[in-house]
Amino acid sequence: MSYIDGFVIAVPRANKDAFIRHAETGDPVFIELGASRVLECWEDDVPDGKLTDFRRAVQARDDEAVVFSWIEWPDKATRDAGMKKMLAGMDGDERLNQENNPMPFDGMRMIFGGFKPVVTLAE
């Protein structure tokens, strides 16, 4: 059964191109480690909620956009093995090195988690 890592971050709107370059550089590592798919989604229709919402979840400021991302893995074992390899190799892989490919957002406000799908519909 597939496994999903989900992420929500706030990215300064002025850094959109830098964010895309950052993702295009670093995201292929996940595919190489066994992920089936990686999606990076820039906010388009993210309304303010009455009680909570995506913007509040990551403390997005007015000059920031919300990015919703996920990594699809074939199963949790592949994800666990891939993430272990990624974390162990971050210093050695230039694509993940923060000096060469710095995060164009505040990683301290990122929310993330791993999820087991309970309903899946597809064409």
N, C-alpha and C. Protein backbone atom coordinates (compact mmCIF):
# COMPACT_ATOMS: atom_id res chain seq x y z
N MET A 1 0.84 -1.18 0.00
CA MET A 1 0.00 0.00 0.00
C MET A 1 0.88 1.24 0.00
N SER A 2 0.49 2.25 -0.76
CA SER A 2 1.29 3.47 -0.88
C SER A 2 1.39 4.20 0.45
N TYR A 3 2.33 5.13 0.50
CA TYR A 3 2.56 5.94 1.68
C TYR A 3 2.83 7.36 1.21
N ILE A 4 2.34 8.36 1.93
CA ILE A 4 2.44 9.76 1.51
C ILE A 4 3.13 10.59 2.59
N ASP A 5 4.12 11.37 2.19
CA ASP A 5 4.68 12.41 3.05
C ASP A 5 4.09 13.72 2.58
N GLY A 6 3.47 14.47 3.48
CA GLY A 6 2.85 15.74 3.12
C GLY A 6 3.55 16.91 3.80
N PHE A 7 3.57 18.05 3.11
CA PHE A 7 4.26 19.24 3.59
C PHE A 7 3.44 20.49 3.27
N VAL A 8 3.45 21.47 4.16
CA VAL A 8 2.88 22.79 3.90
C VAL A 8 3.91 23.80 4.39
N ILE A 9 4.24 24.76 3.51
CA ILE A 9 5.22 25.79 3.85
C ILE A 9 4.74 27.14 3.36
N ALA A 10 5.32 28.19 3.91
CA ALA A 10 5.09 29.55 3.44
C ALA A 10 6.36 30.00 2.73
N VAL A 11 6.20 30.46 1.49
CA VAL A 11 7.34 30.90 0.68
C VAL A 11 7.12 32.35 0.28
N PRO A 12 8.11 33.22 0.49
CA PRO A 12 7.95 34.60 0.01
C PRO A 12 7.61 34.59 -1.48
N ARG A 13 6.59 35.34 -1.84
CA ARG A 13 6.16 35.38 -3.24
C ARG A 13 7.33 35.77 -4.16
N ALA A 14 8.20 36.64 -3.68
CA ALA A 14 9.36 37.06 -4.47
C ALA A 14 10.33 35.90 -4.72
N ASN A 15 10.21 34.83 -3.97
CA ASN A 15 11.10 33.67 -4.10
C ASN A 15 10.49 32.53 -4.91
N LYS A 16 9.41 32.78 -5.64
CA LYS A 16 8.75 31.69 -6.37
C LYS A 16 9.71 31.00 -7.33
N ASP A 17 10.43 31.76 -8.14
CA ASP A 17 11.36 31.14 -9.09
C ASP A 17 12.48 30.40 -8.36
N ALA A 18 12.97 30.97 -7.28
CA ALA A 18 14.02 30.31 -6.50
C ALA A 18 13.48 29.02 -5.88
N PHE A 19 12.22 29.04 -5.43
CA PHE A 19 11.62 27.83 -4.88
C PHE A 19 11.52 26.73 -5.94
N ILE A 20 11.09 27.11 -7.13
CA ILE A 20 10.96 26.13 -8.22
C ILE A 20 12.33 25.54 -8.55
N ARG A 21 13.35 26.39 -8.64
CA ARG A 21 14.71 25.88 -8.91
C ARG A 21 15.17 24.95 -7.78
N HIS A 22 14.90 25.34 -6.54
CA HIS A 22 15.26 24.52 -5.38
C HIS A 22 14.61 23.14 -5.48
N ALA A 23 13.32 23.12 -5.80
CA ALA A 23 12.59 21.85 -5.91
C ALA A 23 13.07 21.04 -7.10
N GLU A 24 13.27 21.68 -8.24
CA GLU A 24 13.73 20.95 -9.42
C GLU A 24 15.13 20.36 -9.21
N THR A 25 15.91 20.97 -8.35
CA THR A 25 17.25 20.46 -8.04
C THR A 25 17.19 19.32 -7.02
N GLY A 26 16.43 19.51 -5.95
CA GLY A 26 16.42 18.54 -4.86
C GLY A 26 15.42 17.41 -4.96
N ASP A 27 14.27 17.65 -5.57
CA ASP A 27 13.22 16.63 -5.60
C ASP A 27 13.60 15.35 -6.34
N PRO A 28 14.43 15.41 -7.38
CA PRO A 28 14.81 14.15 -8.04
C PRO A 28 15.47 13.13 -7.09
N VAL A 29 16.05 13.61 -6.01
CA VAL A 29 16.66 12.70 -5.03
C VAL A 29 15.61 11.72 -4.50
N PHE A 30 14.39 12.22 -4.24
CA PHE A 30 13.33 11.36 -3.72
C PHE A 30 12.97 10.26 -4.72
N ILE A 31 12.91 10.62 -5.99
CA ILE A 31 12.61 9.62 -7.02
C ILE A 31 13.72 8.58 -7.07
N GLU A 32 14.96 9.03 -7.01
CA GLU A 32 16.10 8.11 -7.02
C GLU A 32 16.08 7.16 -5.81
N LEU A 33 15.47 7.63 -4.71
CA LEU A 33 15.40 6.81 -3.49
C LEU A 33 14.14 5.96 -3.42
N GLY A 34 13.35 5.96 -4.50
CA GLY A 34 12.21 5.06 -4.57
C GLY A 34 10.83 5.70 -4.58
N ALA A 35 10.74 7.02 -4.45
CA ALA A 35 9.42 7.67 -4.50
C ALA A 35 8.81 7.50 -5.89
N SER A 36 7.48 7.39 -5.93
CA SER A 36 6.76 7.25 -7.19
C SER A 36 6.50 8.59 -7.85
N ARG A 37 6.29 9.62 -7.01
CA ARG A 37 5.91 10.93 -7.54
C ARG A 37 6.16 11.98 -6.47
N VAL A 38 6.52 13.19 -6.92
CA VAL A 38 6.69 14.35 -6.04
C VAL A 38 5.90 15.49 -6.66
N LEU A 39 5.07 16.15 -5.86
CA LEU A 39 4.32 17.31 -6.34
C LEU A 39 4.61 18.50 -5.46
N GLU A 40 4.85 19.64 -6.10
CA GLU A 40 5.03 20.92 -5.41
C GLU A 40 3.94 21.84 -5.96
N CYS A 41 3.04 22.31 -5.11
CA CYS A 41 1.87 23.06 -5.57
C CYS A 41 1.86 24.47 -4.95
N TRP A 42 1.91 25.48 -5.80
CA TRP A 42 1.89 26.89 -5.38
C TRP A 42 0.44 27.32 -5.18
N GLU A 43 0.17 28.06 -4.14
CA GLU A 43 -1.22 28.45 -3.83
C GLU A 43 -1.89 29.14 -5.01
N ASP A 44 -3.17 28.82 -5.18
CA ASP A 44 -3.98 29.42 -6.22
C ASP A 44 -5.30 29.90 -5.63
N ASP A 45 -5.94 29.07 -4.84
CA ASP A 45 -7.24 29.38 -4.23
C ASP A 45 -7.19 28.90 -2.78
N VAL A 46 -6.56 29.68 -1.92
CA VAL A 46 -6.37 29.31 -0.53
C VAL A 46 -7.09 30.34 0.34
N PRO A 47 -8.36 30.05 0.66
CA PRO A 47 -9.16 31.03 1.41
C PRO A 47 -8.76 31.09 2.89
N ASP A 48 -9.01 32.25 3.47
CA ASP A 48 -8.87 32.39 4.92
C ASP A 48 -10.05 31.68 5.57
N GLY A 49 -9.78 30.92 6.61
CA GLY A 49 -10.83 30.21 7.32
C GLY A 49 -11.33 31.02 8.50
N LYS A 50 -12.41 30.57 9.08
CA LYS A 50 -12.95 31.25 10.27
C LYS A 50 -12.24 30.81 11.53
N LEU A 51 -11.81 29.56 11.58
CA LEU A 51 -11.16 29.04 12.77
C LEU A 51 -9.68 28.74 12.50
N THR A 52 -9.40 28.10 11.38
CA THR A 52 -8.02 27.80 10.99
C THR A 52 -7.95 27.68 9.48
N ASP A 53 -6.75 27.68 8.94
CA ASP A 53 -6.56 27.57 7.50
C ASP A 53 -5.08 27.29 7.22
N PHE A 54 -4.76 27.07 5.95
CA PHE A 54 -3.38 26.79 5.58
C PHE A 54 -2.45 27.94 5.95
N ARG A 55 -2.88 29.18 5.72
CA ARG A 55 -2.01 30.33 5.98
C ARG A 55 -1.66 30.41 7.47
N ARG A 56 -2.63 30.23 8.32
CA ARG A 56 -2.36 30.28 9.76
C ARG A 56 -1.51 29.10 10.21
N ALA A 57 -1.69 27.96 9.57
CA ALA A 57 -0.95 26.76 9.97
C ALA A 57 0.56 26.98 9.85
N VAL A 58 0.98 27.76 8.86
CA VAL A 58 2.42 28.00 8.66
C VAL A 58 2.80 29.45 8.96
N GLN A 59 1.89 30.18 9.58
CA GLN A 59 2.13 31.58 9.95
C GLN A 59 2.57 32.41 8.75
N ALA A 60 1.89 32.20 7.62
CA ALA A 60 2.23 32.92 6.39
C ALA A 60 1.94 34.41 6.55
N ARG A 61 2.89 35.21 6.11
CA ARG A 61 2.72 36.66 6.12
C ARG A 61 2.06 37.09 4.80
N ASP A 62 1.68 38.34 4.72
CA ASP A 62 1.00 38.85 3.53
C ASP A 62 1.84 38.70 2.26
N ASP A 63 3.15 38.76 2.39
CA ASP A 63 4.01 38.67 1.22
C ASP A 63 4.44 37.23 0.90
N GLU A 64 3.78 36.25 1.54
CA GLU A 64 4.13 34.85 1.34
C GLU A 64 2.98 34.06 0.73
N ALA A 65 3.34 33.07 -0.04
CA ALA A 65 2.37 32.14 -0.62
C ALA A 65 2.48 30.81 0.12
N VAL A 66 1.38 30.08 0.13
CA VAL A 66 1.38 28.74 0.73
C VAL A 66 1.72 27.73 -0.35
N VAL A 67 2.62 26.81 -0.02
CA VAL A 67 2.98 25.72 -0.91
C VAL A 67 2.57 24.42 -0.23
N PHE A 68 1.84 23.60 -0.96
CA PHE A 68 1.36 22.30 -0.48
C PHE A 68 2.06 21.25 -1.33
N SER A 69 2.80 20.37 -0.69
CA SER A 69 3.61 19.39 -1.41
C SER A 69 3.40 18.01 -0.84
N TRP A 70 3.64 17.01 -1.69
CA TRP A 70 3.63 15.66 -1.18
C TRP A 70 4.53 14.77 -2.00
N ILE A 71 4.98 13.73 -1.33
CA ILE A 71 5.80 12.70 -1.95
C ILE A 71 5.04 11.39 -1.83
N GLU A 72 4.81 10.74 -2.96
CA GLU A 72 4.14 9.44 -2.96
C GLU A 72 5.21 8.35 -3.02
N TRP A 73 5.08 7.39 -2.13
CA TRP A 73 5.99 6.24 -2.07
C TRP A 73 5.19 4.98 -2.33
N PRO A 74 5.81 3.93 -2.85
CA PRO A 74 5.08 2.68 -3.08
C PRO A 74 4.57 2.04 -1.79
N ASP A 75 5.32 2.26 -0.69
CA ASP A 75 4.93 1.70 0.61
C ASP A 75 5.78 2.38 1.69
N LYS A 76 5.42 2.16 2.95
CA LYS A 76 6.12 2.81 4.05
C LYS A 76 7.55 2.30 4.18
N ALA A 77 7.79 1.03 3.90
CA ALA A 77 9.15 0.50 4.01
C ALA A 77 10.09 1.20 3.02
N THR A 78 9.61 1.44 1.79
CA THR A 78 10.43 2.15 0.81
C THR A 78 10.67 3.58 1.27
N ARG A 79 9.65 4.20 1.81
CA ARG A 79 9.78 5.56 2.33
C ARG A 79 10.79 5.62 3.46
N ASP A 80 10.66 4.72 4.43
CA ASP A 80 11.57 4.73 5.57
C ASP A 80 13.02 4.53 5.13
N ALA A 81 13.24 3.59 4.22
CA ALA A 81 14.59 3.32 3.73
C ALA A 81 15.11 4.52 2.92
N GLY A 82 14.26 5.10 2.08
CA GLY A 82 14.66 6.25 1.27
C GLY A 82 14.98 7.46 2.11
N MET A 83 14.15 7.75 3.09
CA MET A 83 14.39 8.91 3.95
C MET A 83 15.64 8.71 4.80
N LYS A 84 15.88 7.49 5.24
CA LYS A 84 17.10 7.21 6.00
C LYS A 84 18.33 7.48 5.14
N LYS A 85 18.31 7.00 3.90
CA LYS A 85 19.42 7.24 2.99
C LYS A 85 19.58 8.73 2.69
N MET A 86 18.44 9.43 2.49
CA MET A 86 18.50 10.85 2.18
C MET A 86 19.13 11.62 3.34
N LEU A 87 18.66 11.38 4.55
CA LEU A 87 19.18 12.10 5.70
C LEU A 87 20.66 11.79 5.93
N ALA A 88 21.06 10.56 5.69
CA ALA A 88 22.46 10.17 5.86
C ALA A 88 23.35 10.79 4.79
N GLY A 89 22.79 11.01 3.61
CA GLY A 89 23.58 11.51 2.49
C GLY A 89 23.47 12.99 2.22
N MET A 90 22.73 13.73 3.05
CA MET A 90 22.51 15.15 2.78
C MET A 90 23.81 15.92 2.66
N ASP A 91 24.80 15.57 3.45
CA ASP A 91 26.06 16.30 3.39
C ASP A 91 26.82 16.01 2.11
N GLY A 92 26.65 14.81 1.55
CA GLY A 92 27.41 14.41 0.38
C GLY A 92 26.77 14.73 -0.95
N ASP A 93 25.46 14.90 -0.99
CA ASP A 93 24.75 15.16 -2.24
C ASP A 93 24.60 16.67 -2.42
N GLU A 94 25.26 17.19 -3.43
CA GLU A 94 25.25 18.65 -3.66
C GLU A 94 23.84 19.21 -3.87
N ARG A 95 22.93 18.38 -4.37
CA ARG A 95 21.56 18.85 -4.61
C ARG A 95 20.84 19.14 -3.31
N LEU A 96 21.26 18.51 -2.23
CA LEU A 96 20.62 18.71 -0.93
C LEU A 96 21.44 19.57 0.01
N ASN A 97 22.63 19.96 -0.40
CA ASN A 97 23.51 20.77 0.41
C ASN A 97 22.94 22.19 0.52
N GLN A 98 22.73 22.66 1.74
CA GLN A 98 22.10 23.96 1.95
C GLN A 98 22.95 25.13 1.45
N GLU A 99 24.25 24.93 1.34
CA GLU A 99 25.09 26.00 0.80
C GLU A 99 24.92 26.11 -0.71
N ASN A 100 24.71 24.99 -1.38
CA ASN A 100 24.55 24.99 -2.84
C ASN A 100 23.11 25.16 -3.27
N ASN A 101 22.17 24.70 -2.47
CA ASN A 101 20.75 24.75 -2.81
C ASN A 101 19.96 25.17 -1.56
N PRO A 102 20.13 26.43 -1.12
CA PRO A 102 19.48 26.86 0.11
C PRO A 102 17.96 26.90 -0.02
N MET A 103 17.29 26.62 1.09
CA MET A 103 15.82 26.70 1.10
C MET A 103 15.41 28.16 0.98
N PRO A 104 14.58 28.51 0.00
CA PRO A 104 14.15 29.90 -0.15
C PRO A 104 12.90 30.19 0.68
N PHE A 105 12.83 29.59 1.87
CA PHE A 105 11.70 29.76 2.77
C PHE A 105 12.18 29.44 4.19
N ASP A 106 11.35 29.75 5.16
CA ASP A 106 11.66 29.49 6.56
C ASP A 106 11.24 28.07 6.91
N GLY A 107 12.19 27.16 6.94
CA GLY A 107 11.91 25.76 7.23
C GLY A 107 11.36 25.52 8.63
N MET A 108 11.56 26.46 9.54
CA MET A 108 11.05 26.29 10.90
C MET A 108 9.52 26.34 10.95
N ARG A 109 8.90 26.93 9.92
CA ARG A 109 7.43 27.01 9.89
C ARG A 109 6.81 25.93 9.02
N MET A 110 7.61 25.01 8.52
CA MET A 110 7.09 23.90 7.71
C MET A 110 6.31 22.95 8.62
N ILE A 111 5.17 22.49 8.12
CA ILE A 111 4.47 21.39 8.80
C ILE A 111 4.54 20.19 7.88
N PHE A 112 4.71 19.02 8.46
CA PHE A 112 4.87 17.82 7.64
C PHE A 112 4.45 16.61 8.43
N GLY A 113 4.21 15.54 7.72
CA GLY A 113 3.86 14.29 8.36
C GLY A 113 3.72 13.18 7.33
N GLY A 114 3.72 11.95 7.83
CA GLY A 114 3.53 10.79 6.98
C GLY A 114 2.12 10.26 7.13
N PHE A 115 1.55 9.80 6.02
CA PHE A 115 0.14 9.40 6.01
C PHE A 115 -0.07 8.08 5.29
N LYS A 116 -0.95 7.26 5.86
CA LYS A 116 -1.38 6.02 5.21
C LYS A 116 -2.70 6.30 4.52
N PRO A 117 -2.77 6.10 3.21
CA PRO A 117 -4.04 6.31 2.51
C PRO A 117 -5.12 5.34 3.04
N VAL A 118 -6.33 5.87 3.18
CA VAL A 118 -7.46 5.03 3.62
C VAL A 118 -8.52 4.91 2.54
N VAL A 119 -8.53 5.86 1.60
CA VAL A 119 -9.42 5.81 0.43
C VAL A 119 -8.62 6.30 -0.76
N THR A 120 -8.63 5.55 -1.85
CA THR A 120 -7.92 5.95 -3.06
C THR A 120 -8.87 5.76 -4.25
N LEU A 121 -9.07 6.81 -5.01
CA LEU A 121 -9.86 6.75 -6.23
C LEU A 121 -8.97 7.19 -7.38
N ALA A 122 -9.08 6.55 -8.51
CA ALA A 122 -8.28 6.92 -9.67
C ALA A 122 -9.06 6.58 -10.93
N GLU A 123 -8.68 7.20 -12.03
CA GLU A 123 -9.32 6.90 -13.32
C GLU A 123 -8.83 5.57 -13.82
